[in-house]
């Protein structure tokens, strides 16, 4: 997915020191869950979930970052 965040006021460091720019961020994210229907034990299905997020900011040293997560989920349906 894609999102854009536009702030109206100038960015401030610690709510006191103005940075001289209005902050604008672009946010990209991808989520992916993998599982196989016939892989289950006692009704519990293991799933592998990947999450990737990148935020690009016009104030990169403070607000730009990349985040990656991998989760192993055990799901039981009734």
PDB file of N, CA and C in Angstrom:
ATOM      1  N   UNK A   1       0.835  -1.180   0.000  1.00  0.00           N
ATOM      2  CA  UNK A   1       0.000   0.000   0.000  1.00  0.00           C
ATOM      3  C   UNK A   1       0.881   1.245   0.000  1.00  0.00           C
ATOM      4  N   UNK A   2       0.270   2.358  -0.256  1.00  0.00           N
ATOM      5  CA  UNK A   2       0.983   3.632  -0.319  1.00  0.00           C
ATOM      6  C   UNK A   2       0.159   4.691   0.395  1.00  0.00           C
ATOM      7  N   UNK A   3       0.834   5.525   1.145  1.00  0.00           N
ATOM      8  CA  UNK A   3       0.161   6.644   1.811  1.00  0.00           C
ATOM      9  C   UNK A   3       1.087   7.846   1.790  1.00  0.00           C
ATOM     10  N   UNK A   4       0.496   9.004   1.810  1.00  0.00           N
ATOM     11  CA  UNK A   4       1.279  10.233   1.877  1.00  0.00           C
ATOM     12  C   UNK A   4       0.737  11.062   3.033  1.00  0.00           C
ATOM     13  N   UNK A   5       1.646  11.528   3.872  1.00  0.00           N
ATOM     14  CA  UNK A   5       1.261  12.321   5.033  1.00  0.00           C
ATOM     15  C   UNK A   5       1.852  13.717   4.875  1.00  0.00           C
ATOM     16  N   UNK A   6       0.997  14.724   4.842  1.00  0.00           N
ATOM     17  CA  UNK A   6       1.429  16.113   4.708  1.00  0.00           C
ATOM     18  C   UNK A   6       1.063  16.870   5.980  1.00  0.00           C
ATOM     19  N   UNK A   7       2.047  17.461   6.603  1.00  0.00           N
ATOM     20  CA  UNK A   7       1.821  18.236   7.816  1.00  0.00           C
ATOM     21  C   UNK A   7       1.611  19.697   7.446  1.00  0.00           C
ATOM     22  N   UNK A   8       0.847  20.422   8.238  1.00  0.00           N
ATOM     23  CA  UNK A   8       0.525  21.813   7.926  1.00  0.00           C
ATOM     24  C   UNK A   8       1.511  22.801   8.543  1.00  0.00           C
ATOM     25  N   UNK A   9       2.078  22.467   9.677  1.00  0.00           N
ATOM     26  CA  UNK A   9       2.962  23.386  10.390  1.00  0.00           C
ATOM     27  C   UNK A   9       4.419  22.987  10.178  1.00  0.00           C
ATOM     28  N   UNK A  10       5.333  23.898  10.459  1.00  0.00           N
ATOM     29  CA  UNK A  10       6.755  23.588  10.342  1.00  0.00           C
ATOM     30  C   UNK A  10       7.150  22.565  11.398  1.00  0.00           C
ATOM     31  N   UNK A  11       8.060  21.676  11.016  1.00  0.00           N
ATOM     32  CA  UNK A  11       8.555  20.665  11.943  1.00  0.00           C
ATOM     33  C   UNK A  11       9.401  21.339  13.019  1.00  0.00           C
ATOM     34  N   UNK A  12       9.306  20.804  14.241  1.00  0.00           N
ATOM     35  CA  UNK A  12      10.071  21.355  15.357  1.00  0.00           C
ATOM     36  C   UNK A  12      10.783  20.228  16.077  1.00  0.00           C
ATOM     37  N   UNK A  13      11.969  20.517  16.534  1.00  0.00           N
ATOM     38  CA  UNK A  13      12.745  19.560  17.317  1.00  0.00           C
ATOM     39  C   UNK A  13      12.392  19.765  18.785  1.00  0.00           C
ATOM     40  N   UNK A  14      11.827  18.767  19.394  1.00  0.00           N
ATOM     41  CA  UNK A  14      11.439  18.866  20.799  1.00  0.00           C
ATOM     42  C   UNK A  14      10.360  19.896  21.054  1.00  0.00           C
ATOM     43  N   UNK A  15       9.521  20.151  20.060  1.00  0.00           N
ATOM     44  CA  UNK A  15       8.432  21.127  20.154  1.00  0.00           C
ATOM     45  C   UNK A  15       8.920  22.545  20.445  1.00  0.00           C
ATOM     46  N   UNK A  16      10.247  22.799  20.286  1.00  0.00           N
ATOM     47  CA  UNK A  16      10.775  24.123  20.606  1.00  0.00           C
ATOM     48  C   UNK A  16      11.616  24.718  19.483  1.00  0.00           C
ATOM     49  N   UNK A  17      12.484  23.937  18.873  1.00  0.00           N
ATOM     50  CA  UNK A  17      13.431  24.449  17.881  1.00  0.00           C
ATOM     51  C   UNK A  17      12.873  24.201  16.485  1.00  0.00           C
ATOM     52  N   UNK A  18      12.505  25.262  15.742  1.00  0.00           N
ATOM     53  CA  UNK A  18      11.961  25.068  14.390  1.00  0.00           C
ATOM     54  C   UNK A  18      13.036  24.576  13.423  1.00  0.00           C
ATOM     55  N   UNK A  19      12.654  23.641  12.552  1.00  0.00           N
ATOM     56  CA  UNK A  19      13.596  23.080  11.585  1.00  0.00           C
ATOM     57  C   UNK A  19      13.517  23.767  10.225  1.00  0.00           C
ATOM     58  N   UNK A  20      12.571  24.670  10.035  1.00  0.00           N
ATOM     59  CA  UNK A  20      12.498  25.457   8.811  1.00  0.00           C
ATOM     60  C   UNK A  20      11.847  24.770   7.624  1.00  0.00           C
ATOM     61  N   UNK A  21      11.235  23.612   7.835  1.00  0.00           N
ATOM     62  CA  UNK A  21      10.561  22.889   6.751  1.00  0.00           C
ATOM     63  C   UNK A  21       9.233  22.344   7.243  1.00  0.00           C
ATOM     64  N   UNK A  22       8.283  22.264   6.326  1.00  0.00           N
ATOM     65  CA  UNK A  22       7.033  21.567   6.604  1.00  0.00           C
ATOM     66  C   UNK A  22       7.264  20.101   6.250  1.00  0.00           C
ATOM     67  N   UNK A  23       6.969  19.219   7.177  1.00  0.00           N
ATOM     68  CA  UNK A  23       7.257  17.790   6.989  1.00  0.00           C
ATOM     69  C   UNK A  23       6.274  17.141   6.024  1.00  0.00           C
ATOM     70  N   UNK A  24       6.815  16.349   5.085  1.00  0.00           N
ATOM     71  CA  UNK A  24       6.029  15.543   4.143  1.00  0.00           C
ATOM     72  C   UNK A  24       6.620  14.141   4.118  1.00  0.00           C
ATOM     73  N   UNK A  25       5.788  13.135   4.322  1.00  0.00           N
ATOM     74  CA  UNK A  25       6.240  11.745   4.348  1.00  0.00           C
ATOM     75  C   UNK A  25       5.518  10.933   3.283  1.00  0.00           C
ATOM     76  N   UNK A  26       6.245   9.982   2.707  1.00  0.00           N
ATOM     77  CA  UNK A  26       5.658   8.972   1.820  1.00  0.00           C
ATOM     78  C   UNK A  26       5.889   7.630   2.491  1.00  0.00           C
ATOM     79  N   UNK A  27       4.817   6.841   2.598  1.00  0.00           N
ATOM     80  CA  UNK A  27       4.885   5.583   3.329  1.00  0.00           C
ATOM     81  C   UNK A  27       4.476   4.438   2.408  1.00  0.00           C
ATOM     82  N   UNK A  28       5.346   3.441   2.307  1.00  0.00           N
ATOM     83  CA  UNK A  28       5.104   2.255   1.488  1.00  0.00           C
ATOM     84  C   UNK A  28       5.063   1.057   2.429  1.00  0.00           C
ATOM     85  N   UNK A  29       4.134   0.122   2.201  1.00  0.00           N
ATOM     86  CA  UNK A  29       4.104  -1.075   3.038  1.00  0.00           C
ATOM     87  C   UNK A  29       3.608  -2.285   2.252  1.00  0.00           C
ATOM     88  N   UNK A  30       4.129  -3.447   2.649  1.00  0.00           N
ATOM     89  CA  UNK A  30       3.752  -4.722   2.041  1.00  0.00           C
ATOM     90  C   UNK A  30       3.566  -5.732   3.171  1.00  0.00           C
ATOM     91  N   UNK A  31       2.475  -6.477   3.121  1.00  0.00           N
ATOM     92  CA  UNK A  31       2.203  -7.564   4.062  1.00  0.00           C
ATOM     93  C   UNK A  31       1.980  -8.845   3.271  1.00  0.00           C
ATOM     94  N   UNK A  32       2.567  -9.937   3.751  1.00  0.00           N
ATOM     95  CA  UNK A  32       2.432 -11.219   3.067  1.00  0.00           C
ATOM     96  C   UNK A  32       2.331 -12.319   4.113  1.00  0.00           C
ATOM     97  N   UNK A  33       1.309 -13.155   3.988  1.00  0.00           N
ATOM     98  CA  UNK A  33       1.144 -14.299   4.883  1.00  0.00           C
ATOM     99  C   UNK A  33       1.131 -15.570   4.047  1.00  0.00           C
ATOM    100  N   UNK A  34       1.960 -16.534   4.439  1.00  0.00           N
ATOM    101  CA  UNK A  34       2.067 -17.804   3.713  1.00  0.00           C
ATOM    102  C   UNK A  34       1.670 -18.962   4.627  1.00  0.00           C
ATOM    103  N   UNK A  35       0.873 -19.870   4.093  1.00  0.00           N
ATOM    104  CA  UNK A  35       0.546 -21.098   4.793  1.00  0.00           C
ATOM    105  C   UNK A  35       0.065 -22.119   3.786  1.00  0.00           C
ATOM    106  N   UNK A  36       0.024 -23.369   4.221  1.00  0.00           N
ATOM    107  CA  UNK A  36      -0.452 -24.464   3.380  1.00  0.00           C
ATOM    108  C   UNK A  36      -1.625 -25.111   4.111  1.00  0.00           C
ATOM    109  N   UNK A  37      -2.746 -25.221   3.439  1.00  0.00           N
ATOM    110  CA  UNK A  37      -3.977 -25.689   4.085  1.00  0.00           C
ATOM    111  C   UNK A  37      -3.855 -27.067   4.723  1.00  0.00           C
ATOM    112  N   UNK A  38      -3.097 -27.957   4.099  1.00  0.00           N
ATOM    113  CA  UNK A  38      -3.030 -29.316   4.648  1.00  0.00           C
ATOM    114  C   UNK A  38      -1.896 -29.485   5.664  1.00  0.00           C
ATOM    115  N   UNK A  39      -1.233 -28.410   6.076  1.00  0.00           N
ATOM    116  CA  UNK A  39      -0.241 -28.474   7.150  1.00  0.00           C
ATOM    117  C   UNK A  39      -0.913 -28.043   8.445  1.00  0.00           C
ATOM    118  N   UNK A  40      -1.336 -29.009   9.225  1.00  0.00           N
ATOM    119  CA  UNK A  40      -1.914 -28.679  10.521  1.00  0.00           C
ATOM    120  C   UNK A  40      -1.808 -29.884  11.437  1.00  0.00           C
ATOM    121  N   UNK A  41      -1.672 -29.605  12.710  1.00  0.00           N
ATOM    122  CA  UNK A  41      -1.603 -30.627  13.740  1.00  0.00           C
ATOM    123  C   UNK A  41      -2.593 -30.228  14.823  1.00  0.00           C
ATOM    124  N   UNK A  42      -3.507 -31.118  15.177  1.00  0.00           N
ATOM    125  CA  UNK A  42      -4.541 -30.868  16.188  1.00  0.00           C
ATOM    126  C   UNK A  42      -5.347 -29.604  15.853  1.00  0.00           C
ATOM    127  N   UNK A  43      -5.561 -29.346  14.584  1.00  0.00           N
ATOM    128  CA  UNK A  43      -6.337 -28.185  14.160  1.00  0.00           C
ATOM    129  C   UNK A  43      -5.583 -26.867  14.183  1.00  0.00           C
ATOM    130  N   UNK A  44      -4.282 -26.924  14.442  1.00  0.00           N
ATOM    131  CA  UNK A  44      -3.459 -25.706  14.491  1.00  0.00           C
ATOM    132  C   UNK A  44      -2.663 -25.604  13.194  1.00  0.00           C
ATOM    133  N   UNK A  45      -2.775 -24.463  12.527  1.00  0.00           N
ATOM    134  CA  UNK A  45      -2.088 -24.230  11.258  1.00  0.00           C
ATOM    135  C   UNK A  45      -0.974 -23.204  11.459  1.00  0.00           C
ATOM    136  N   UNK A  46       0.278 -23.565  11.140  1.00  0.00           N
ATOM    137  CA  UNK A  46       1.354 -22.570  11.219  1.00  0.00           C
ATOM    138  C   UNK A  46       1.320 -21.657   9.993  1.00  0.00           C
ATOM    139  N   UNK A  47       1.548 -20.368  10.223  1.00  0.00           N
ATOM    140  CA  UNK A  47       1.586 -19.389   9.140  1.00  0.00           C
ATOM    141  C   UNK A  47       2.831 -18.526   9.312  1.00  0.00           C
ATOM    142  N   UNK A  48       3.406 -18.145   8.193  1.00  0.00           N
ATOM    143  CA  UNK A  48       4.566 -17.265   8.191  1.00  0.00           C
ATOM    144  C   UNK A  48       4.120 -15.909   7.659  1.00  0.00           C
ATOM    145  N   UNK A  49       4.326 -14.863   8.450  1.00  0.00           N
ATOM    146  CA  UNK A  49       3.856 -13.523   8.079  1.00  0.00           C
ATOM    147  C   UNK A  49       5.055 -12.583   7.926  1.00  0.00           C
ATOM    148  N   UNK A  50       5.141 -11.921   6.761  1.00  0.00           N
ATOM    149  CA  UNK A  50       6.193 -10.938   6.479  1.00  0.00           C
ATOM    150  C   UNK A  50       5.558  -9.551   6.418  1.00  0.00           C
ATOM    151  N   UNK A  51       6.225  -8.582   7.008  1.00  0.00           N
ATOM    152  CA  UNK A  51       5.764  -7.200   6.961  1.00  0.00           C
ATOM    153  C   UNK A  51       6.962  -6.314   6.645  1.00  0.00           C
ATOM    154  N   UNK A  52       6.806  -5.422   5.664  1.00  0.00           N
ATOM    155  CA  UNK A  52       7.855  -4.482   5.271  1.00  0.00           C
ATOM    156  C   UNK A  52       7.236  -3.099   5.175  1.00  0.00           C
ATOM    157  N   UNK A  53       7.894  -2.113   5.763  1.00  0.00           N
ATOM    158  CA  UNK A  53       7.395  -0.737   5.735  1.00  0.00           C
ATOM    159  C   UNK A  53       8.570   0.208   5.543  1.00  0.00           C
ATOM    160  N   UNK A  54       8.384   1.178   4.645  1.00  0.00           N
ATOM    161  CA  UNK A  54       9.413   2.188   4.401  1.00  0.00           C
ATOM    162  C   UNK A  54       8.757   3.554   4.449  1.00  0.00           C
ATOM    163  N   UNK A  55       9.370   4.454   5.195  1.00  0.00           N
ATOM    164  CA  UNK A  55       8.888   5.832   5.260  1.00  0.00           C
ATOM    165  C   UNK A  55       9.988   6.741   4.740  1.00  0.00           C
ATOM    166  N   UNK A  56       9.685   7.493   3.694  1.00  0.00           N
ATOM    167  CA  UNK A  56      10.590   8.497   3.137  1.00  0.00           C
ATOM    168  C   UNK A  56      10.071   9.863   3.547  1.00  0.00           C
ATOM    169  N   UNK A  57      10.947  10.665   4.129  1.00  0.00           N
ATOM    170  CA  UNK A  57      10.551  11.980   4.601  1.00  0.00           C
ATOM    171  C   UNK A  57      11.446  13.045   3.987  1.00  0.00           C
ATOM    172  N   UNK A  58      10.946  14.260   3.894  1.00  0.00           N
ATOM    173  CA  UNK A  58      11.794  15.355   3.434  1.00  0.00           C
ATOM    174  C   UNK A  58      12.730  15.826   4.556  1.00  0.00           C
ATOM    175  N   UNK A  59      12.592  15.249   5.740  1.00  0.00           N
ATOM    176  CA  UNK A  59      13.533  15.427   6.849  1.00  0.00           C
ATOM    177  C   UNK A  59      14.110  14.048   7.170  1.00  0.00           C
ATOM    178  N   UNK A  60      14.970  13.522   6.282  1.00  0.00           N
ATOM    179  CA  UNK A  60      15.344  12.104   6.352  1.00  0.00           C
ATOM    180  C   UNK A  60      16.113  11.689   7.604  1.00  0.00           C
ATOM    181  N   UNK A  61      16.951  12.539   8.144  1.00  0.00           N
ATOM    182  CA  UNK A  61      17.741  12.113   9.300  1.00  0.00           C
ATOM    183  C   UNK A  61      16.873  11.903  10.545  1.00  0.00           C
ATOM    184  N   UNK A  62      15.683  12.483  10.547  1.00  0.00           N
ATOM    185  CA  UNK A  62      14.817  12.334  11.717  1.00  0.00           C
ATOM    186  C   UNK A  62      13.646  11.377  11.507  1.00  0.00           C
ATOM    187  N   UNK A  63      13.099  11.321  10.279  1.00  0.00           N
ATOM    188  CA  UNK A  63      11.830  10.618  10.101  1.00  0.00           C
ATOM    189  C   UNK A  63      11.826   9.532   9.026  1.00  0.00           C
ATOM    190  N   UNK A  64      12.916   9.316   8.310  1.00  0.00           N
ATOM    191  CA  UNK A  64      12.952   8.242   7.307  1.00  0.00           C
ATOM    192  C   UNK A  64      13.452   6.959   7.960  1.00  0.00           C
ATOM    193  N   UNK A  65      12.814   5.845   7.627  1.00  0.00           N
ATOM    194  CA  UNK A  65      13.243   4.556   8.168  1.00  0.00           C
ATOM    195  C   UNK A  65      12.671   3.420   7.330  1.00  0.00           C
ATOM    196  N   UNK A  66      13.241   2.239   7.522  1.00  0.00           N
ATOM    197  CA  UNK A  66      12.730   1.003   6.929  1.00  0.00           C
ATOM    198  C   UNK A  66      12.540   0.003   8.065  1.00  0.00           C
ATOM    199  N   UNK A  67      11.416  -0.684   8.049  1.00  0.00           N
ATOM    200  CA  UNK A  67      11.081  -1.634   9.100  1.00  0.00           C
ATOM    201  C   UNK A  67      10.720  -2.969   8.460  1.00  0.00           C
ATOM    202  N   UNK A  68      11.310  -4.070   8.973  1.00  0.00           N
ATOM    203  CA  UNK A  68      11.018  -5.410   8.468  1.00  0.00           C
ATOM    204  C   UNK A  68      10.690  -6.325   9.646  1.00  0.00           C
ATOM    205  N   UNK A  69       9.642  -7.118   9.499  1.00  0.00           N
ATOM    206  CA  UNK A  69       9.244  -8.062  10.542  1.00  0.00           C
ATOM    207  C   UNK A  69       8.902  -9.406   9.914  1.00  0.00           C
ATOM    208  N   UNK A  70       9.258 -10.474  10.623  1.00  0.00           N
ATOM    209  CA  UNK A  70       8.861 -11.831  10.252  1.00  0.00           C
ATOM    210  C   UNK A  70       8.236 -12.450  11.501  1.00  0.00           C
ATOM    211  N   UNK A  71       7.034 -12.987  11.352  1.00  0.00           N
ATOM    212  CA  UNK A  71       6.326 -13.590  12.482  1.00  0.00           C
ATOM    213  C   UNK A  71       5.883 -15.005  12.127  1.00  0.00           C
ATOM    214  N   UNK A  72       5.997 -15.895  13.085  1.00  0.00           N
ATOM    215  CA  UNK A  72       5.464 -17.244  12.951  1.00  0.00           C
ATOM    216  C   UNK A  72       4.186 -17.294  13.785  1.00  0.00           C
ATOM    217  N   UNK A  73       3.077 -17.584  13.125  1.00  0.00           N
ATOM    218  CA  UNK A  73       1.762 -17.560  13.765  1.00  0.00           C
ATOM    219  C   UNK A  73       1.210 -18.985  13.814  1.00  0.00           C
ATOM    220  N   UNK A  74       0.655 -19.358  14.946  1.00  0.00           N
ATOM    221  CA  UNK A  74      -0.039 -20.636  15.081  1.00  0.00           C
ATOM    222  C   UNK A  74      -1.518 -20.319  15.257  1.00  0.00           C
ATOM    223  N   UNK A  75      -2.318 -20.720  14.268  1.00  0.00           N
ATOM    224  CA  UNK A  75      -3.733 -20.346  14.263  1.00  0.00           C
ATOM    225  C   UNK A  75      -4.613 -21.579  14.370  1.00  0.00           C
ATOM    226  N   UNK A  76      -5.601 -21.487  15.249  1.00  0.00           N
ATOM    227  CA  UNK A  76      -6.573 -22.571  15.383  1.00  0.00           C
ATOM    228  C   UNK A  76      -7.946 -22.007  15.051  1.00  0.00           C
ATOM    229  N   UNK A  77      -8.642 -22.676  14.147  1.00  0.00           N
ATOM    230  CA  UNK A  77      -9.993 -22.257  13.793  1.00  0.00           C
ATOM    231  C   UNK A  77     -10.984 -23.271  14.348  1.00  0.00           C
ATOM    232  N   UNK A  78     -12.126 -22.783  14.749  1.00  0.00           N
ATOM    233  CA  UNK A  78     -13.160 -23.644  15.334  1.00  0.00           C
ATOM    234  C   UNK A  78     -14.338 -23.729  14.414  1.00  0.00           C
TER     235      UNK A  78
END
